[in-house]
C-alpha cells in the first residue's frame, strides 16, 4: 500500500467528528420537536399514552442515515424514508412484524403495511411535526415543500398516513390525494393514506 494516511487526530479526522456531532445534534433536535409536536396526537397516544422521545429516536436515526431527515432549527422536523417498489415493510404475504412488538404497535404496523403502496419507488413521509410554540406560522408547509421539491427533482411520488383531518387538509394543499379508505385502528382513531404524484403545484401553503 502506498500513499499517506491522515493521522487519527489530523484535520480530516477532526472534520469527520464535527460532521458526526452536527448530525447527532440534528437528530436530537428532530426528536425533541417531534415529541412535543405529537404529545396530543390521537394516533400516537393510541399507540402509547405516555408519549416519549423513544417513540421517535429510531426512525429519526433511520431517516438521517438514508439522507431523508429535514430539520428546521428547533421548530419543525420531517422524517422521510426512501421506499423501493416491493418495499421492505412486512405485508400480509410475509412473516409480519416481530412478535415482541407491543400489541398496538404490532396492529398499527400490520394495518398500515397492508395498505402501503408497493408498485412504485417513492418517498415515504413518516412524520412531519411542528413544535406547538411555532405552529400556525408556515413552518410545517415550508419543510414539507422542501421535501416534496426533492421528490419532484427525482421524479418520485410521495406517500404518507395523515393522522387527522387538519393534517389531511395541509397535505391536500400540497398535492396529496386520499389513497383508498381511511385505516381504522382497533378502538382508536383513523389514519388516512395519501399519495402525491411528482410535479404537482401546491395551493398557497399555510399552517
N, C-alpha and C. Protein backbone atom coordinates (compact mmCIF):
# COMPACT_ATOMS: atom_id res chain seq x y z
N UNK A 1 0.86 -1.19 0.00
CA UNK A 1 0.00 0.00 0.00
C UNK A 1 0.88 1.23 0.00
N UNK A 2 0.55 2.20 -0.88
CA UNK A 2 1.31 3.42 -0.93
C UNK A 2 0.43 4.60 -0.55
N UNK A 3 1.03 5.78 -0.44
CA UNK A 3 0.28 6.96 -0.06
C UNK A 3 0.42 7.22 1.43
N UNK A 4 -0.18 8.32 1.91
CA UNK A 4 -0.04 8.73 3.30
C UNK A 4 -1.41 8.91 3.91
N UNK A 5 -1.66 8.21 4.98
CA UNK A 5 -2.93 8.32 5.68
C UNK A 5 -2.92 9.55 6.58
N UNK A 6 -4.09 10.15 6.74
CA UNK A 6 -4.20 11.27 7.68
C UNK A 6 -4.16 10.74 9.10
N UNK A 7 -3.33 11.29 9.98
CA UNK A 7 -3.27 10.82 11.37
C UNK A 7 -4.63 10.90 12.01
N UNK A 8 -4.89 10.02 12.99
CA UNK A 8 -6.21 10.00 13.64
C UNK A 8 -6.63 11.34 14.20
N UNK A 9 -5.67 12.16 14.63
CA UNK A 9 -6.03 13.44 15.22
C UNK A 9 -5.84 14.59 14.25
N UNK A 10 -5.69 14.26 12.95
CA UNK A 10 -5.45 15.29 11.95
C UNK A 10 -6.72 15.99 11.52
N UNK A 11 -6.58 16.91 10.52
CA UNK A 11 -7.72 17.73 10.10
C UNK A 11 -8.90 16.92 9.60
N UNK A 12 -8.61 15.86 8.79
CA UNK A 12 -9.73 15.09 8.24
C UNK A 12 -10.52 14.41 9.34
N UNK A 13 -9.78 13.88 10.34
CA UNK A 13 -10.47 13.23 11.44
C UNK A 13 -11.30 14.23 12.23
N UNK A 14 -10.75 15.43 12.45
CA UNK A 14 -11.49 16.46 13.17
C UNK A 14 -12.73 16.88 12.42
N UNK A 15 -12.62 17.00 11.07
CA UNK A 15 -13.78 17.37 10.28
C UNK A 15 -14.85 16.29 10.35
N UNK A 16 -14.41 15.04 10.34
CA UNK A 16 -15.37 13.94 10.44
C UNK A 16 -16.11 13.97 11.76
N UNK A 17 -15.37 14.27 12.84
CA UNK A 17 -16.02 14.33 14.14
C UNK A 17 -17.01 15.49 14.20
N UNK A 18 -16.64 16.63 13.57
CA UNK A 18 -17.56 17.77 13.56
C UNK A 18 -18.83 17.44 12.81
N UNK A 19 -18.68 16.76 11.67
CA UNK A 19 -19.87 16.39 10.90
C UNK A 19 -20.74 15.41 11.67
N UNK A 20 -20.10 14.45 12.33
CA UNK A 20 -20.86 13.47 13.11
C UNK A 20 -21.60 14.16 14.25
N UNK A 21 -20.91 15.12 14.91
CA UNK A 21 -21.54 15.84 16.01
C UNK A 21 -22.72 16.67 15.51
N UNK A 22 -22.55 17.30 14.33
CA UNK A 22 -23.64 18.10 13.77
C UNK A 22 -24.83 17.21 13.43
N UNK A 23 -24.53 16.02 12.89
CA UNK A 23 -25.62 15.10 12.58
C UNK A 23 -26.34 14.63 13.82
N UNK A 24 -25.58 14.31 14.87
CA UNK A 24 -26.20 13.89 16.13
C UNK A 24 -27.07 15.01 16.71
N UNK A 25 -26.57 16.24 16.64
CA UNK A 25 -27.34 17.37 17.18
C UNK A 25 -28.63 17.56 16.40
N UNK A 26 -28.58 17.37 15.08
CA UNK A 26 -29.78 17.50 14.25
C UNK A 26 -30.80 16.42 14.61
N UNK A 27 -30.32 15.21 14.82
CA UNK A 27 -31.23 14.12 15.20
C UNK A 27 -31.87 14.40 16.56
N UNK A 28 -31.08 14.86 17.51
CA UNK A 28 -31.64 15.16 18.83
C UNK A 28 -32.68 16.28 18.74
N UNK A 29 -32.41 17.29 17.91
CA UNK A 29 -33.37 18.38 17.74
C UNK A 29 -34.66 17.85 17.12
N UNK A 30 -34.54 16.97 16.13
CA UNK A 30 -35.72 16.40 15.49
C UNK A 30 -36.56 15.61 16.49
N UNK A 31 -35.91 14.83 17.32
CA UNK A 31 -36.64 14.04 18.32
C UNK A 31 -37.35 14.95 19.31
N UNK A 32 -36.69 16.03 19.74
CA UNK A 32 -37.35 16.96 20.67
C UNK A 32 -38.57 17.60 20.03
N UNK A 33 -38.42 18.04 18.78
CA UNK A 33 -39.55 18.68 18.09
C UNK A 33 -40.71 17.71 17.94
N UNK A 34 -40.43 16.49 17.50
CA UNK A 34 -41.50 15.52 17.26
C UNK A 34 -42.18 15.11 18.56
N UNK A 35 -41.42 14.96 19.62
CA UNK A 35 -42.01 14.58 20.91
C UNK A 35 -42.99 15.64 21.38
N UNK A 36 -42.62 16.90 21.21
CA UNK A 36 -43.52 18.00 21.59
C UNK A 36 -44.70 18.10 20.63
N UNK A 37 -44.42 17.97 19.32
CA UNK A 37 -45.47 18.16 18.32
C UNK A 37 -46.56 17.10 18.42
N UNK A 38 -46.19 15.87 18.79
CA UNK A 38 -47.15 14.76 18.80
C UNK A 38 -47.64 14.41 20.21
N UNK A 39 -47.38 15.29 21.16
CA UNK A 39 -47.77 14.99 22.54
C UNK A 39 -49.27 14.76 22.69
N UNK A 40 -50.08 15.43 21.87
CA UNK A 40 -51.53 15.28 21.95
C UNK A 40 -52.13 14.62 20.71
N UNK A 41 -51.28 14.03 19.87
CA UNK A 41 -51.76 13.41 18.65
C UNK A 41 -52.54 12.13 18.97
N UNK A 42 -53.73 12.00 18.39
CA UNK A 42 -54.60 10.87 18.74
C UNK A 42 -53.99 9.52 18.39
N UNK A 43 -53.32 9.43 17.25
CA UNK A 43 -52.74 8.14 16.84
C UNK A 43 -51.55 7.77 17.73
N UNK A 44 -50.68 8.73 17.97
CA UNK A 44 -49.52 8.45 18.82
C UNK A 44 -49.98 8.07 20.23
N UNK A 45 -50.96 8.77 20.75
CA UNK A 45 -51.44 8.44 22.10
C UNK A 45 -52.20 7.12 22.12
N UNK A 46 -52.79 6.72 21.01
CA UNK A 46 -53.39 5.40 20.92
C UNK A 46 -52.30 4.33 21.02
N UNK A 47 -51.17 4.60 20.38
CA UNK A 47 -50.05 3.65 20.45
C UNK A 47 -49.50 3.56 21.87
N UNK A 48 -49.37 4.73 22.51
CA UNK A 48 -48.84 4.77 23.87
C UNK A 48 -49.22 6.11 24.49
N UNK A 49 -50.06 6.11 25.52
CA UNK A 49 -50.48 7.37 26.13
C UNK A 49 -49.31 8.17 26.70
N UNK A 50 -48.22 7.49 27.05
CA UNK A 50 -47.04 8.17 27.56
C UNK A 50 -46.09 8.48 26.40
N UNK A 51 -46.34 9.60 25.71
CA UNK A 51 -45.53 9.97 24.56
C UNK A 51 -44.13 10.33 25.03
N UNK A 52 -43.13 9.69 24.42
CA UNK A 52 -41.75 9.94 24.85
C UNK A 52 -40.83 9.97 23.64
N UNK A 53 -39.61 10.47 23.87
CA UNK A 53 -38.62 10.57 22.80
C UNK A 53 -38.28 9.20 22.21
N UNK A 54 -38.40 8.15 22.99
CA UNK A 54 -38.08 6.81 22.50
C UNK A 54 -38.95 6.41 21.32
N UNK A 55 -40.14 6.99 21.21
CA UNK A 55 -41.06 6.65 20.13
C UNK A 55 -40.57 7.17 18.78
N UNK A 56 -39.66 8.14 18.79
CA UNK A 56 -39.21 8.76 17.55
C UNK A 56 -37.73 8.54 17.25
N UNK A 57 -36.94 8.17 18.25
CA UNK A 57 -35.49 8.16 18.08
C UNK A 57 -35.04 7.21 16.97
N UNK A 58 -35.62 6.01 16.92
CA UNK A 58 -35.14 5.03 15.95
C UNK A 58 -35.42 5.48 14.52
N UNK A 59 -36.65 5.91 14.24
CA UNK A 59 -36.99 6.27 12.87
C UNK A 59 -36.28 7.56 12.45
N UNK A 60 -36.01 8.46 13.40
CA UNK A 60 -35.23 9.66 13.08
C UNK A 60 -33.81 9.25 12.66
N UNK A 61 -33.20 8.34 13.41
CA UNK A 61 -31.86 7.87 13.05
C UNK A 61 -31.87 7.17 11.70
N UNK A 62 -32.90 6.37 11.45
CA UNK A 62 -33.01 5.66 10.17
C UNK A 62 -33.13 6.66 9.01
N UNK A 63 -33.96 7.68 9.19
CA UNK A 63 -34.13 8.70 8.16
C UNK A 63 -32.83 9.47 7.92
N UNK A 64 -32.14 9.83 9.01
CA UNK A 64 -30.88 10.55 8.88
C UNK A 64 -29.86 9.73 8.12
N UNK A 65 -29.78 8.44 8.42
CA UNK A 65 -28.82 7.56 7.74
C UNK A 65 -29.12 7.47 6.25
N UNK A 66 -30.41 7.59 5.88
CA UNK A 66 -30.80 7.50 4.48
C UNK A 66 -30.76 8.85 3.78
N UNK A 67 -30.39 9.91 4.51
CA UNK A 67 -30.33 11.24 3.93
C UNK A 67 -31.69 11.91 3.79
N UNK A 68 -32.69 11.44 4.54
CA UNK A 68 -34.03 11.97 4.39
C UNK A 68 -34.52 12.85 5.51
N UNK A 69 -33.70 13.10 6.53
CA UNK A 69 -34.15 13.89 7.67
C UNK A 69 -34.06 15.38 7.36
N UNK A 70 -35.16 16.09 7.59
CA UNK A 70 -35.21 17.54 7.39
C UNK A 70 -35.54 18.18 8.74
N UNK A 71 -34.70 19.11 9.17
CA UNK A 71 -34.91 19.77 10.46
C UNK A 71 -34.74 21.27 10.27
N UNK A 72 -35.66 22.01 10.83
CA UNK A 72 -35.58 23.48 10.81
C UNK A 72 -35.42 23.97 12.24
N UNK A 73 -34.17 24.16 12.62
CA UNK A 73 -33.84 24.61 13.98
C UNK A 73 -34.56 23.73 15.00
N UNK A 74 -35.17 24.35 15.99
CA UNK A 74 -35.97 23.63 16.98
C UNK A 74 -37.46 23.84 16.69
N UNK A 75 -37.77 24.10 15.42
CA UNK A 75 -39.12 24.49 15.03
C UNK A 75 -39.91 23.35 14.41
N UNK A 76 -39.32 22.67 13.43
CA UNK A 76 -40.05 21.66 12.67
C UNK A 76 -39.10 20.55 12.25
N UNK A 77 -39.67 19.37 12.03
CA UNK A 77 -38.88 18.23 11.58
C UNK A 77 -39.73 17.36 10.67
N UNK A 78 -39.10 16.83 9.62
CA UNK A 78 -39.75 15.92 8.69
C UNK A 78 -38.89 14.66 8.56
N UNK A 79 -39.52 13.53 8.69
CA UNK A 79 -38.83 12.24 8.64
C UNK A 79 -39.24 11.53 7.35
N UNK A 80 -38.34 11.57 6.36
CA UNK A 80 -38.59 10.94 5.07
C UNK A 80 -37.77 9.66 4.96
N UNK A 81 -38.34 8.66 4.31
CA UNK A 81 -37.63 7.41 4.04
C UNK A 81 -37.79 7.06 2.56
N UNK A 82 -36.69 6.68 1.89
CA UNK A 82 -36.84 6.19 0.51
C UNK A 82 -37.49 4.81 0.52
N UNK A 83 -38.38 4.58 -0.41
CA UNK A 83 -39.13 3.32 -0.43
C UNK A 83 -39.05 2.73 -1.83
N UNK A 84 -38.56 1.50 -1.92
CA UNK A 84 -38.44 0.84 -3.21
C UNK A 84 -39.69 0.04 -3.53
N UNK A 85 -39.95 -0.14 -4.79
CA UNK A 85 -41.07 -0.99 -5.19
C UNK A 85 -40.90 -2.36 -4.56
N UNK A 86 -41.99 -2.88 -4.00
CA UNK A 86 -41.89 -4.13 -3.25
C UNK A 86 -41.20 -3.94 -1.92
N UNK A 87 -41.41 -2.74 -1.30
CA UNK A 87 -40.69 -2.29 -0.11
C UNK A 87 -40.57 -3.30 1.02
N UNK A 88 -39.70 -2.98 1.98
CA UNK A 88 -39.28 -3.95 2.99
C UNK A 88 -40.25 -4.07 4.16
N UNK A 89 -41.20 -3.12 4.32
CA UNK A 89 -42.11 -3.25 5.45
C UNK A 89 -42.95 -4.50 5.29
N UNK A 90 -43.06 -5.36 6.30
CA UNK A 90 -43.80 -6.62 6.15
C UNK A 90 -45.25 -6.39 5.79
N UNK A 91 -45.75 -7.16 4.87
CA UNK A 91 -47.15 -7.12 4.47
C UNK A 91 -47.81 -8.45 4.79
N UNK A 92 -49.04 -8.63 4.37
CA UNK A 92 -49.76 -9.85 4.71
C UNK A 92 -49.11 -11.11 4.18
N UNK A 93 -48.35 -11.00 3.07
CA UNK A 93 -47.77 -12.19 2.47
C UNK A 93 -46.42 -12.55 3.04
N UNK A 94 -45.90 -11.76 3.99
CA UNK A 94 -44.59 -12.03 4.55
C UNK A 94 -44.74 -12.47 6.00
N UNK A 95 -43.62 -12.53 6.69
CA UNK A 95 -43.64 -13.04 8.06
C UNK A 95 -44.30 -12.10 9.05
N UNK A 96 -44.52 -10.84 8.67
CA UNK A 96 -45.17 -9.90 9.56
C UNK A 96 -44.19 -9.25 10.52
N UNK A 97 -44.67 -8.31 11.34
CA UNK A 97 -43.80 -7.60 12.27
C UNK A 97 -43.29 -8.54 13.36
N UNK A 98 -42.18 -8.17 14.01
CA UNK A 98 -41.63 -9.02 15.07
C UNK A 98 -42.64 -9.27 16.18
N UNK A 99 -42.70 -10.47 16.71
CA UNK A 99 -43.72 -10.79 17.73
C UNK A 99 -43.52 -10.04 19.04
N UNK A 100 -42.30 -9.53 19.29
CA UNK A 100 -42.06 -8.86 20.56
C UNK A 100 -42.59 -7.43 20.59
N UNK A 101 -43.11 -6.92 19.48
CA UNK A 101 -43.65 -5.56 19.48
C UNK A 101 -44.85 -5.47 20.41
N UNK A 102 -45.04 -4.31 21.06
CA UNK A 102 -46.27 -4.11 21.82
C UNK A 102 -47.49 -4.33 20.94
N UNK A 103 -48.59 -4.75 21.55
CA UNK A 103 -49.76 -5.18 20.78
C UNK A 103 -50.24 -4.09 19.83
N UNK A 104 -50.39 -2.87 20.32
CA UNK A 104 -50.95 -1.82 19.47
C UNK A 104 -49.96 -1.41 18.37
N UNK A 105 -48.69 -1.40 18.66
CA UNK A 105 -47.71 -1.09 17.62
C UNK A 105 -47.73 -2.18 16.56
N UNK A 106 -47.85 -3.42 16.99
CA UNK A 106 -47.93 -4.52 16.04
C UNK A 106 -49.18 -4.37 15.17
N UNK A 107 -50.31 -4.02 15.77
CA UNK A 107 -51.54 -3.83 14.99
C UNK A 107 -51.36 -2.69 13.98
N UNK A 108 -50.75 -1.61 14.43
CA UNK A 108 -50.54 -0.47 13.54
C UNK A 108 -49.66 -0.86 12.36
N UNK A 109 -48.56 -1.55 12.64
CA UNK A 109 -47.65 -1.96 11.57
C UNK A 109 -48.37 -2.87 10.58
N UNK A 110 -49.12 -3.83 11.08
CA UNK A 110 -49.83 -4.76 10.19
C UNK A 110 -50.84 -4.04 9.31
N UNK A 111 -51.63 -3.14 9.91
CA UNK A 111 -52.69 -2.47 9.17
C UNK A 111 -52.12 -1.49 8.13
N UNK A 112 -51.11 -0.73 8.51
CA UNK A 112 -50.56 0.24 7.57
C UNK A 112 -49.71 -0.43 6.50
N UNK A 113 -48.99 -1.50 6.87
CA UNK A 113 -48.17 -2.20 5.88
C UNK A 113 -49.03 -2.81 4.79
N UNK A 114 -50.21 -3.29 5.17
CA UNK A 114 -51.10 -3.92 4.19
C UNK A 114 -51.58 -2.92 3.13
N UNK A 115 -51.55 -1.63 3.48
CA UNK A 115 -52.05 -0.61 2.56
C UNK A 115 -50.93 0.21 1.90
N UNK A 116 -49.70 -0.02 2.33
CA UNK A 116 -48.60 0.79 1.79
C UNK A 116 -48.35 0.41 0.33
N UNK A 117 -48.32 1.39 -0.58
CA UNK A 117 -48.10 1.08 -2.00
C UNK A 117 -46.76 0.37 -2.21
N UNK A 118 -46.78 -0.66 -3.04
CA UNK A 118 -45.56 -1.44 -3.26
C UNK A 118 -45.18 -1.54 -4.74
N UNK A 119 -45.92 -0.83 -5.60
CA UNK A 119 -45.68 -0.97 -7.04
C UNK A 119 -44.83 0.13 -7.63
N UNK A 120 -44.45 1.15 -6.83
CA UNK A 120 -43.62 2.24 -7.33
C UNK A 120 -42.58 2.63 -6.28
N UNK A 121 -41.37 2.97 -6.74
CA UNK A 121 -40.44 3.65 -5.86
C UNK A 121 -41.07 4.98 -5.44
N UNK A 122 -40.87 5.37 -4.19
CA UNK A 122 -41.43 6.64 -3.73
C UNK A 122 -40.73 7.09 -2.46
N UNK A 123 -41.03 8.29 -2.03
CA UNK A 123 -40.57 8.79 -0.73
C UNK A 123 -41.74 8.69 0.25
N UNK A 124 -41.42 8.20 1.43
CA UNK A 124 -42.44 7.99 2.47
C UNK A 124 -42.21 9.00 3.58
N UNK A 125 -43.20 9.85 3.80
CA UNK A 125 -43.13 10.82 4.90
C UNK A 125 -43.73 10.17 6.14
N UNK A 126 -42.87 9.72 7.03
CA UNK A 126 -43.38 9.03 8.21
C UNK A 126 -43.85 10.00 9.28
N UNK A 127 -43.14 11.10 9.45
CA UNK A 127 -43.55 12.12 10.42
C UNK A 127 -43.26 13.51 9.87
N UNK A 128 -44.17 14.42 10.12
CA UNK A 128 -43.94 15.85 9.93
C UNK A 128 -44.51 16.54 11.16
N UNK A 129 -43.67 17.21 11.91
CA UNK A 129 -44.14 17.84 13.14
C UNK A 129 -43.59 19.23 13.32
N UNK A 130 -44.41 20.08 13.91
CA UNK A 130 -44.02 21.46 14.24
C UNK A 130 -44.18 21.64 15.73
N UNK A 131 -43.18 22.22 16.37
CA UNK A 131 -43.26 22.47 17.80
C UNK A 131 -44.51 23.30 18.10
N UNK A 132 -45.26 22.97 19.15
CA UNK A 132 -46.50 23.71 19.44
C UNK A 132 -46.32 25.21 19.53
N UNK A 133 -45.18 25.67 20.02
CA UNK A 133 -44.96 27.12 20.14
C UNK A 133 -44.79 27.80 18.79
N UNK A 134 -44.57 27.02 17.74
CA UNK A 134 -44.30 27.59 16.42
C UNK A 134 -45.37 27.25 15.39
N UNK A 135 -46.44 26.61 15.81
CA UNK A 135 -47.47 26.21 14.86
C UNK A 135 -48.26 27.42 14.38
N UNK A 136 -48.81 27.31 13.17
CA UNK A 136 -49.59 28.39 12.60
C UNK A 136 -48.78 29.47 11.91
N UNK A 137 -47.47 29.23 11.73
CA UNK A 137 -46.61 30.24 11.13
C UNK A 137 -46.00 29.79 9.81
N UNK A 138 -46.45 28.66 9.28
CA UNK A 138 -45.98 28.20 7.98
C UNK A 138 -44.75 27.31 8.01
N UNK A 139 -44.25 26.98 9.20
CA UNK A 139 -43.02 26.17 9.26
C UNK A 139 -43.25 24.77 8.70
N UNK A 140 -44.40 24.17 9.00
CA UNK A 140 -44.67 22.83 8.50
C UNK A 140 -44.80 22.82 6.99
N UNK A 141 -45.51 23.78 6.44
CA UNK A 141 -45.66 23.87 4.98
C UNK A 141 -44.32 24.06 4.30
N UNK A 142 -43.47 24.90 4.88
CA UNK A 142 -42.16 25.17 4.27
C UNK A 142 -41.30 23.92 4.26
N UNK A 143 -41.31 23.19 5.37
CA UNK A 143 -40.48 21.99 5.43
C UNK A 143 -41.05 20.90 4.52
N UNK A 144 -42.36 20.80 4.45
CA UNK A 144 -42.99 19.83 3.55
C UNK A 144 -42.64 20.16 2.11
N UNK A 145 -42.71 21.43 1.74
CA UNK A 145 -42.39 21.85 0.38
C UNK A 145 -40.95 21.51 0.02
N UNK A 146 -40.05 21.63 1.00
CA UNK A 146 -38.64 21.31 0.74
C UNK A 146 -38.47 19.83 0.40
N UNK A 147 -39.13 18.98 1.17
CA UNK A 147 -39.04 17.56 0.89
C UNK A 147 -39.70 17.18 -0.42
N UNK A 148 -40.83 17.80 -0.74
CA UNK A 148 -41.52 17.49 -1.98
C UNK A 148 -40.73 17.99 -3.19
N UNK A 149 -40.00 19.09 -3.04
CA UNK A 149 -39.14 19.56 -4.13
C UNK A 149 -38.07 18.52 -4.43
N UNK A 150 -37.56 17.88 -3.38
CA UNK A 150 -36.57 16.82 -3.57
C UNK A 150 -37.19 15.63 -4.28
N UNK A 151 -38.42 15.28 -3.91
CA UNK A 151 -39.12 14.18 -4.58
C UNK A 151 -39.36 14.52 -6.05
N UNK A 152 -39.80 15.75 -6.31
CA UNK A 152 -40.07 16.16 -7.69
C UNK A 152 -38.79 16.12 -8.53
N UNK A 153 -37.69 16.58 -7.95
CA UNK A 153 -36.42 16.58 -8.69
C UNK A 153 -36.00 15.17 -9.08
N UNK A 154 -36.35 14.19 -8.24
CA UNK A 154 -36.02 12.80 -8.52
C UNK A 154 -37.10 12.09 -9.32
N UNK A 155 -38.22 12.80 -9.60
CA UNK A 155 -39.32 12.19 -10.32
C UNK A 155 -40.05 11.13 -9.51
N UNK A 156 -40.08 11.31 -8.18
CA UNK A 156 -40.67 10.30 -7.31
C UNK A 156 -42.01 10.75 -6.73
N UNK A 157 -42.98 9.85 -6.65
CA UNK A 157 -44.20 10.14 -5.89
C UNK A 157 -43.88 10.17 -4.39
N UNK A 158 -44.85 10.59 -3.61
CA UNK A 158 -44.71 10.62 -2.16
C UNK A 158 -45.95 10.00 -1.52
N UNK A 159 -45.73 9.38 -0.36
CA UNK A 159 -46.82 8.70 0.35
C UNK A 159 -46.72 9.03 1.82
N UNK A 160 -47.88 9.06 2.49
CA UNK A 160 -47.91 9.30 3.93
C UNK A 160 -49.22 8.77 4.49
N UNK A 161 -49.30 8.73 5.82
CA UNK A 161 -50.56 8.45 6.51
C UNK A 161 -50.88 9.65 7.40
N UNK A 162 -51.91 10.40 7.06
CA UNK A 162 -52.29 11.58 7.84
C UNK A 162 -53.05 11.15 9.08
N UNK A 163 -52.76 11.81 10.19
CA UNK A 163 -53.35 11.40 11.47
C UNK A 163 -54.50 12.27 11.92
N UNK A 164 -55.07 13.05 11.03
CA UNK A 164 -56.21 13.88 11.40
C UNK A 164 -56.67 14.68 10.20
N UNK A 165 -57.90 15.22 10.28
CA UNK A 165 -58.44 15.95 9.15
C UNK A 165 -57.69 17.25 8.89
N UNK A 166 -57.22 17.91 9.94
CA UNK A 166 -56.45 19.14 9.74
C UNK A 166 -55.16 18.84 9.00
N UNK A 167 -54.50 17.75 9.37
CA UNK A 167 -53.28 17.35 8.66
C UNK A 167 -53.61 16.98 7.22
N UNK A 168 -54.73 16.29 7.03
CA UNK A 168 -55.11 15.91 5.67
C UNK A 168 -55.29 17.14 4.79
N UNK A 169 -55.91 18.18 5.34
CA UNK A 169 -56.11 19.40 4.54
C UNK A 169 -54.78 20.03 4.18
N UNK A 170 -53.81 20.02 5.11
CA UNK A 170 -52.49 20.56 4.81
C UNK A 170 -51.88 19.81 3.63
N UNK A 171 -51.93 18.49 3.70
CA UNK A 171 -51.30 17.69 2.64
C UNK A 171 -52.04 17.85 1.32
N UNK A 172 -53.35 18.01 1.36
CA UNK A 172 -54.10 18.23 0.12
C UNK A 172 -53.67 19.52 -0.56
N UNK A 173 -53.34 20.54 0.25
CA UNK A 173 -52.88 21.79 -0.34
C UNK A 173 -51.55 21.62 -1.06
N UNK A 174 -50.82 20.57 -0.73
CA UNK A 174 -49.53 20.30 -1.37
C UNK A 174 -49.61 19.20 -2.42
N UNK A 175 -50.84 18.87 -2.84
CA UNK A 175 -50.99 17.96 -3.95
C UNK A 175 -51.27 16.52 -3.61
N UNK A 176 -51.37 16.18 -2.34
CA UNK A 176 -51.71 14.81 -1.95
C UNK A 176 -53.21 14.57 -2.13
N UNK A 177 -53.54 13.33 -2.44
CA UNK A 177 -54.94 12.92 -2.55
C UNK A 177 -55.13 11.65 -1.73
N UNK A 178 -56.36 11.38 -1.25
CA UNK A 178 -56.59 10.15 -0.50
C UNK A 178 -56.21 8.92 -1.33
N UNK A 179 -55.63 7.95 -0.65
CA UNK A 179 -55.21 6.70 -1.30
C UNK A 179 -56.02 5.56 -0.68
N UNK A 180 -57.28 5.45 -1.11
CA UNK A 180 -58.16 4.45 -0.53
C UNK A 180 -58.86 4.98 0.71
N UNK A 181 -59.61 4.12 1.34
CA UNK A 181 -60.36 4.49 2.53
C UNK A 181 -59.43 4.68 3.73
N UNK A 182 -59.87 5.43 4.74
CA UNK A 182 -59.08 5.53 5.97
C UNK A 182 -58.85 4.16 6.60
N UNK A 183 -57.76 4.05 7.33
CA UNK A 183 -57.44 2.83 8.08
C UNK A 183 -57.97 3.02 9.49
N UNK A 184 -58.87 2.16 9.92
CA UNK A 184 -59.47 2.28 11.24
C UNK A 184 -58.68 1.45 12.24
N UNK A 185 -58.10 2.11 13.23
CA UNK A 185 -57.35 1.41 14.27
C UNK A 185 -58.32 0.81 15.29
N UNK A 186 -58.06 -0.37 15.79
CA UNK A 186 -59.00 -1.01 16.74
C UNK A 186 -59.24 -0.13 17.97
N UNK A 187 -60.50 0.21 18.21
CA UNK A 187 -60.87 1.05 19.36
C UNK A 187 -60.09 2.35 19.38
N UNK A 188 -59.77 2.86 18.20
CA UNK A 188 -58.97 4.07 18.15
C UNK A 188 -59.33 4.94 16.96
N UNK A 189 -58.47 5.92 16.65
CA UNK A 189 -58.74 6.85 15.56
C UNK A 189 -58.45 6.22 14.20
N UNK A 190 -58.67 7.00 13.17
CA UNK A 190 -58.38 6.57 11.80
C UNK A 190 -57.11 7.28 11.32
N UNK A 191 -56.38 6.60 10.46
CA UNK A 191 -55.29 7.24 9.73
C UNK A 191 -55.67 7.23 8.26
N UNK A 192 -55.23 8.25 7.55
CA UNK A 192 -55.68 8.47 6.18
C UNK A 192 -54.50 8.36 5.20
N UNK A 193 -54.39 7.24 4.48
CA UNK A 193 -53.31 7.11 3.49
C UNK A 193 -53.48 8.16 2.39
N UNK A 194 -52.35 8.77 1.97
CA UNK A 194 -52.39 9.80 0.94
C UNK A 194 -51.22 9.62 -0.01
N UNK A 195 -51.44 10.00 -1.25
CA UNK A 195 -50.45 9.80 -2.31
C UNK A 195 -50.33 11.07 -3.12
N UNK A 196 -49.12 11.34 -3.58
CA UNK A 196 -48.88 12.53 -4.41
C UNK A 196 -47.97 12.17 -5.57
N UNK A 197 -48.43 12.46 -6.77
CA UNK A 197 -47.59 12.29 -7.95
C UNK A 197 -46.59 13.44 -8.03
N UNK A 198 -45.42 13.21 -8.62
CA UNK A 198 -44.43 14.29 -8.70
C UNK A 198 -44.89 15.42 -9.60
N UNK A 199 -44.42 16.62 -9.28
CA UNK A 199 -44.66 17.77 -10.13
C UNK A 199 -45.97 18.49 -9.90
N UNK A 200 -46.69 18.14 -8.82
CA UNK A 200 -47.95 18.83 -8.52
C UNK A 200 -47.66 20.22 -7.96
N UNK A 201 -48.33 21.23 -8.49
CA UNK A 201 -48.16 22.59 -7.99
C UNK A 201 -49.10 22.78 -6.81
N UNK A 202 -48.57 23.10 -5.62
CA UNK A 202 -49.43 23.21 -4.44
C UNK A 202 -50.23 24.49 -4.42
N UNK A 203 -51.31 24.48 -3.63
CA UNK A 203 -52.00 25.72 -3.32
C UNK A 203 -51.10 26.56 -2.44
N UNK A 204 -51.49 27.80 -2.21
CA UNK A 204 -50.73 28.68 -1.34
C UNK A 204 -50.60 28.03 0.04
N UNK A 205 -49.34 27.68 0.48
CA UNK A 205 -49.21 26.94 1.74
C UNK A 205 -49.51 27.82 2.94
N UNK A 206 -50.06 27.19 3.94
CA UNK A 206 -50.27 27.85 5.22
C UNK A 206 -50.44 26.76 6.28
N UNK A 207 -50.02 27.05 7.48
CA UNK A 207 -50.23 26.13 8.61
C UNK A 207 -50.13 26.90 9.90
